[in-house]
Protein backbone atom coordinates (compact mmCIF):
# COMPACT_ATOMS: atom_id res chain seq x y z
CA MET A 1 -48.00 138.37 140.99
CA TYR A 2 -44.76 140.32 141.38
CA ILE A 3 -44.46 141.09 137.68
CA LYS A 4 -48.10 142.14 137.33
CA THR A 5 -47.90 144.51 140.33
CA ARG A 6 -44.64 146.01 139.14
CA ARG A 7 -46.00 146.69 135.68
CA THR A 8 -49.14 148.30 136.98
CA ILE A 9 -47.59 150.67 139.53
CA PHE A 10 -44.41 151.50 137.64
CA SER A 11 -46.08 152.10 134.29
CA ARG A 12 -48.82 154.27 135.76
CA VAL A 13 -46.41 156.46 137.73
CA PHE A 14 -44.06 156.71 134.75
CA LEU A 15 -46.91 157.58 132.38
CA ILE A 16 -48.43 160.23 134.66
CA PHE A 17 -45.04 161.82 135.34
CA GLY A 18 -44.15 161.83 131.64
CA ILE A 19 -47.46 163.31 130.49
CA LEU A 20 -47.34 166.03 133.17
CA VAL A 21 -43.80 167.15 132.40
CA LEU A 22 -44.35 166.97 128.63
CA ALA A 23 -47.58 168.96 128.89
CA ILE A 24 -45.85 171.69 130.91
CA THR A 25 -42.96 171.81 128.43
CA LEU A 26 -45.29 172.08 125.42
CA PHE A 27 -47.40 174.71 127.17
CA PHE A 28 -44.47 177.02 127.81
CA ALA A 29 -42.93 176.30 124.39
CA PHE A 30 -46.07 177.29 122.51
CA MET A 31 -46.70 180.25 124.80
CA VAL A 32 -43.42 181.63 123.48
CA ILE A 33 -44.49 181.46 119.80
CA PRO A 34 -47.03 184.33 119.76
CA MET A 35 -44.75 186.43 121.97
CA GLN A 36 -41.82 185.96 119.59
CA LYS A 37 -44.03 186.64 116.57
CA ASP A 38 -45.28 189.87 118.10
CA ALA A 39 -41.72 190.95 118.90
CA PHE A 40 -40.51 190.34 115.34
CA ASN A 41 -43.63 191.98 113.87
CA GLN A 42 -42.81 195.05 115.95
CA VAL A 43 -39.30 195.10 114.50
CA MET A 44 -40.68 194.93 110.95
CA TYR A 45 -43.29 197.58 111.74
CA THR A 46 -40.67 199.98 113.08
CA GLN A 47 -38.43 199.42 110.06
CA ALA A 48 -41.32 199.96 107.62
CA GLU A 49 -42.51 203.09 109.42
CA THR A 50 -39.01 204.60 109.39
CA VAL A 51 -38.56 203.98 105.67
CA SER A 52 -42.04 205.34 104.90
CA LYS A 53 -41.47 208.56 106.84
CA SER A 54 -38.15 209.07 105.07
CA ILE A 55 -39.69 208.60 101.60
CA VAL A 56 -42.63 210.93 102.31
CA GLN A 57 -40.46 213.67 103.83
CA THR A 58 -37.89 213.55 101.04
CA SER A 59 -40.46 213.39 98.23
CA SER A 60 -43.08 215.72 99.70
CA ASP A 61 -42.60 218.54 97.16
CA ALA A 62 -42.41 216.09 94.26
CA ILE A 63 -45.55 214.27 95.45
CA ILE A 64 -47.55 217.51 95.68
CA SER A 65 -46.37 218.76 92.28
CA LYS A 66 -46.59 215.25 90.78
CA ASP A 67 -42.98 215.34 89.71
CA PHE A 68 -42.91 211.69 88.64
CA GLY A 69 -39.28 211.93 87.55
CA PHE A 70 -37.98 212.78 91.01
CA ILE A 71 -40.37 210.34 92.72
CA VAL A 72 -39.22 207.44 90.56
CA GLU A 73 -35.54 208.35 90.74
CA HIS A 74 -35.58 208.70 94.52
CA ASN A 75 -37.50 205.49 95.17
CA VAL A 76 -35.38 203.46 92.75
CA GLU A 77 -32.39 204.58 94.81
CA VAL A 78 -34.23 203.53 97.98
CA LEU A 79 -34.89 200.09 96.48
CA LYS A 80 -31.23 199.70 95.49
CA ASN A 81 -30.10 200.53 99.02
CA ASN A 82 -32.73 198.28 100.63
CA THR A 83 -32.74 194.91 98.88
CA SER A 84 -35.44 193.66 101.25
CA ILE A 85 -37.95 196.05 99.59
CA HIS A 86 -39.62 194.64 96.47
CA TYR A 87 -41.66 197.65 95.42
CA VAL A 88 -42.96 201.10 96.35
CA ILE A 89 -46.38 202.40 95.34
CA ILE A 90 -47.39 206.05 95.47
CA SER A 91 -51.20 206.07 95.58
CA PRO A 92 -52.84 209.54 95.47
CA LEU A 93 -56.52 210.06 96.22
CA LEU A 94 -57.00 211.26 92.65
CA GLY A 95 -55.09 210.26 89.56
CA ASP A 96 -52.90 207.36 88.52
CA LYS A 97 -50.84 205.29 90.95
CA ILE A 98 -47.08 204.92 90.52
CA TRP A 99 -45.79 201.37 90.96
CA ILE A 100 -41.99 201.45 91.29
CA LYS A 101 -39.68 198.45 91.22
CA GLN A 102 -35.91 198.40 91.10
CA GLU A 103 -35.80 197.51 87.43
CA SER A 104 -38.92 199.31 86.19
CA TRP A 105 -41.90 201.49 87.00
CA HIS A 106 -45.36 202.05 85.53
CA LEU A 107 -48.61 203.91 86.08
CA ILE A 108 -51.83 202.11 86.96
CA GLU A 109 -55.36 203.44 87.23
CA LYS A 110 -56.31 201.50 90.34
CA LEU A 111 -54.87 198.94 92.74
CA ASN A 112 -56.28 195.46 93.16
CA LYS A 113 -58.80 194.94 95.93
CA ASN A 114 -56.41 193.20 98.38
CA ILE A 115 -54.14 196.24 98.36
CA SER A 116 -56.69 199.05 98.08
CA GLU A 117 -58.75 197.79 101.03
CA LEU A 118 -55.75 198.50 103.28
CA GLU A 119 -55.92 202.21 102.47
CA ALA A 120 -57.34 203.75 105.62
CA ASN A 121 -56.79 206.74 107.89
CA ASN A 122 -54.22 204.87 109.94
CA ILE A 123 -51.16 202.78 109.20
CA ALA A 124 -52.01 199.28 108.01
CA TYR A 125 -49.97 196.19 107.24
CA LYS A 126 -50.54 192.63 106.13
CA ILE A 127 -48.51 189.62 105.02
CA MET A 128 -50.03 188.58 101.73
CA ALA A 129 -49.31 187.46 98.17
CA VAL A 130 -48.89 190.20 95.57
CA ASP A 131 -48.84 189.63 91.81
CA ASP A 132 -50.46 186.22 92.46
CA SER A 133 -47.21 184.67 93.70
CA GLN A 134 -44.88 186.90 95.68
CA LYS A 135 -45.57 186.98 99.43
CA VAL A 136 -44.62 190.27 101.07
CA TYR A 137 -45.05 192.28 104.24
CA HIS A 138 -47.25 194.98 102.71
CA PHE A 139 -47.09 198.26 104.66
CA VAL A 140 -49.46 201.17 103.99
CA TYR A 141 -48.58 204.65 105.26
CA PRO A 142 -51.08 207.55 104.93
CA ILE A 143 -49.63 210.64 103.27
CA ARG A 144 -50.80 213.87 104.89
CA PHE A 145 -49.71 217.43 104.25
CA SER A 146 -50.82 220.12 106.72
CA GLY A 147 -53.58 217.85 107.97
CA ILE A 148 -54.91 217.20 104.47
CA GLU A 149 -55.21 213.63 103.21
CA TRP A 150 -53.24 213.31 99.97
CA GLY A 151 -53.04 209.55 99.52
CA TRP A 152 -51.02 206.55 100.62
CA LEU A 153 -47.55 205.09 100.35
CA HIS A 154 -47.36 201.32 99.88
CA ILE A 155 -44.15 199.38 100.49
CA GLY A 156 -43.68 195.64 99.94
CA PHE A 157 -41.00 194.12 102.17
CA SER A 158 -39.54 190.67 101.64
CA THR A 159 -40.71 188.06 104.16
CA ALA A 160 -37.55 185.95 103.75
CA GLN A 161 -36.12 187.13 107.06
CA TYR A 162 -39.48 186.68 108.78
CA ASP A 163 -39.89 183.14 107.41
CA LYS A 164 -36.32 182.25 108.40
CA TYR A 165 -36.95 183.60 111.89
CA LEU A 166 -40.10 181.48 112.26
CA ASP A 167 -38.36 178.37 110.93
CA ASN A 168 -35.53 178.81 113.45
CA MET A 169 -38.03 179.37 116.24
CA TYR A 170 -39.99 176.19 115.42
CA LEU A 171 -36.72 174.29 115.10
CA ARG A 172 -35.67 175.45 118.58
CA ILE A 173 -39.04 174.32 119.96
CA ILE A 174 -38.56 170.90 118.40
CA TYR A 175 -35.12 170.69 120.01
CA ILE A 176 -36.58 171.69 123.39
CA VAL A 177 -39.35 169.12 123.15
CA GLY A 178 -36.89 166.43 122.04
CA ILE A 179 -34.52 167.16 124.92
CA SER A 180 -37.49 167.21 127.31
CA LEU A 181 -38.54 163.75 126.10
CA VAL A 182 -35.07 162.38 126.83
CA ILE A 183 -35.11 163.97 130.29
CA ILE A 184 -38.61 162.61 130.91
CA LEU A 185 -37.53 159.09 129.99
CA PHE A 186 -34.45 159.31 132.19
CA LEU A 187 -35.90 161.04 135.26
CA GLY A 188 -39.32 159.43 134.86
CA TYR A 189 -37.81 155.96 135.05
CA PHE A 190 -35.98 156.63 138.31
CA PHE A 191 -38.92 158.56 139.78
CA ALA A 192 -41.38 155.77 138.97
CA ARG A 193 -38.91 153.21 140.29
CA TRP A 194 -38.43 155.18 143.52
CA ILE A 195 -42.21 155.33 144.04
CA SER A 196 -43.11 151.78 143.00
CA ARG A 197 -40.20 149.66 144.27
CA PRO A 198 -41.06 149.80 148.03
CA VAL A 199 -44.70 148.98 147.31
CA ILE A 200 -43.64 146.07 145.11
CA ILE A 201 -41.31 144.74 147.83
CA ILE A 202 -43.98 144.92 150.53
CA SER A 203 -46.50 143.33 148.17
CA GLN A 204 -44.08 140.50 147.50
CA LEU A 205 -43.47 140.01 151.24
CA ALA A 206 -47.22 139.98 151.88
CA THR A 207 -47.57 137.26 149.26
CA GLN A 208 -44.95 135.18 151.08
CA VAL A 209 -46.81 135.65 154.36
CA ALA A 210 -50.04 134.56 152.69
CA MET A 211 -48.25 131.41 151.61
CA GLY A 212 -47.34 130.65 155.25
CA ASP A 213 -43.85 132.16 155.65
CA LEU A 214 -44.16 134.26 158.83
CA THR A 215 -40.41 134.91 159.14
CA VAL A 216 -40.20 137.57 156.40
CA ARG A 217 -39.46 141.14 157.41
CA SER A 218 -39.39 144.40 155.55
CA THR A 219 -36.05 146.20 155.53
CA ILE A 220 -37.44 149.43 154.06
CA LYS A 221 -36.51 152.45 156.20
CA ARG A 222 -38.06 155.73 155.10
CA ASN A 223 -39.44 158.79 156.86
CA ASP A 224 -42.73 158.83 155.00
CA GLU A 225 -45.92 156.80 154.54
CA ILE A 226 -43.96 153.97 152.92
CA GLY A 227 -41.79 153.75 156.06
CA VAL A 228 -44.92 153.63 158.22
CA LEU A 229 -46.35 150.88 155.99
CA SER A 230 -43.11 148.91 156.34
CA ASP A 231 -43.19 149.19 160.14
CA CYS A 232 -46.86 148.19 160.25
CA PHE A 233 -46.12 145.18 158.09
CA ASN A 234 -43.37 144.03 160.43
């Protein structure tokens, strides 16, 4: 009787306490994920916008006059100084597009659908695979001169830093959950024991009374309902 009662009360209290604390921990941990993602996306957005403005301002005359030599030379230098940038694309409304990489450049008639559909009146960005394999943070910046739409500037940023940031964030969450589980096991045991032990003792004493021993007394002294139950038993 003693063992059965102890298992029932202790295990239920321990289980409820553990589930509650773990649920709260997981809730706050996964609430942090979208917030951290948004914060890092904002950092990448600001970096991409700054680089785009610099390229457009520096190459404005060359873009208008279609001075491909200066455009390529300047952007190759940009790529050399920013190893996180994989490519730059100058995409005018009319005419060929210039696809510039650090080691080469070439003209193309039109961009593939995944890239061209990002060309809009406002800044656009998307993490996607380019050239069927390379995943990049693709940033599209509208080129305007005196309020006239000229075309778009595309920049492909490496996602290595972004992926590393996410991996570290998930790793920290795993650590937090793991530590929480240890704390739950430790505190949950003593909490469940503190709740269940007096009830178990009184239940055991009641069993002795039922068996005819009227001399038993409860020694539990507490200023709560358990204390009142102990006094009533006596």
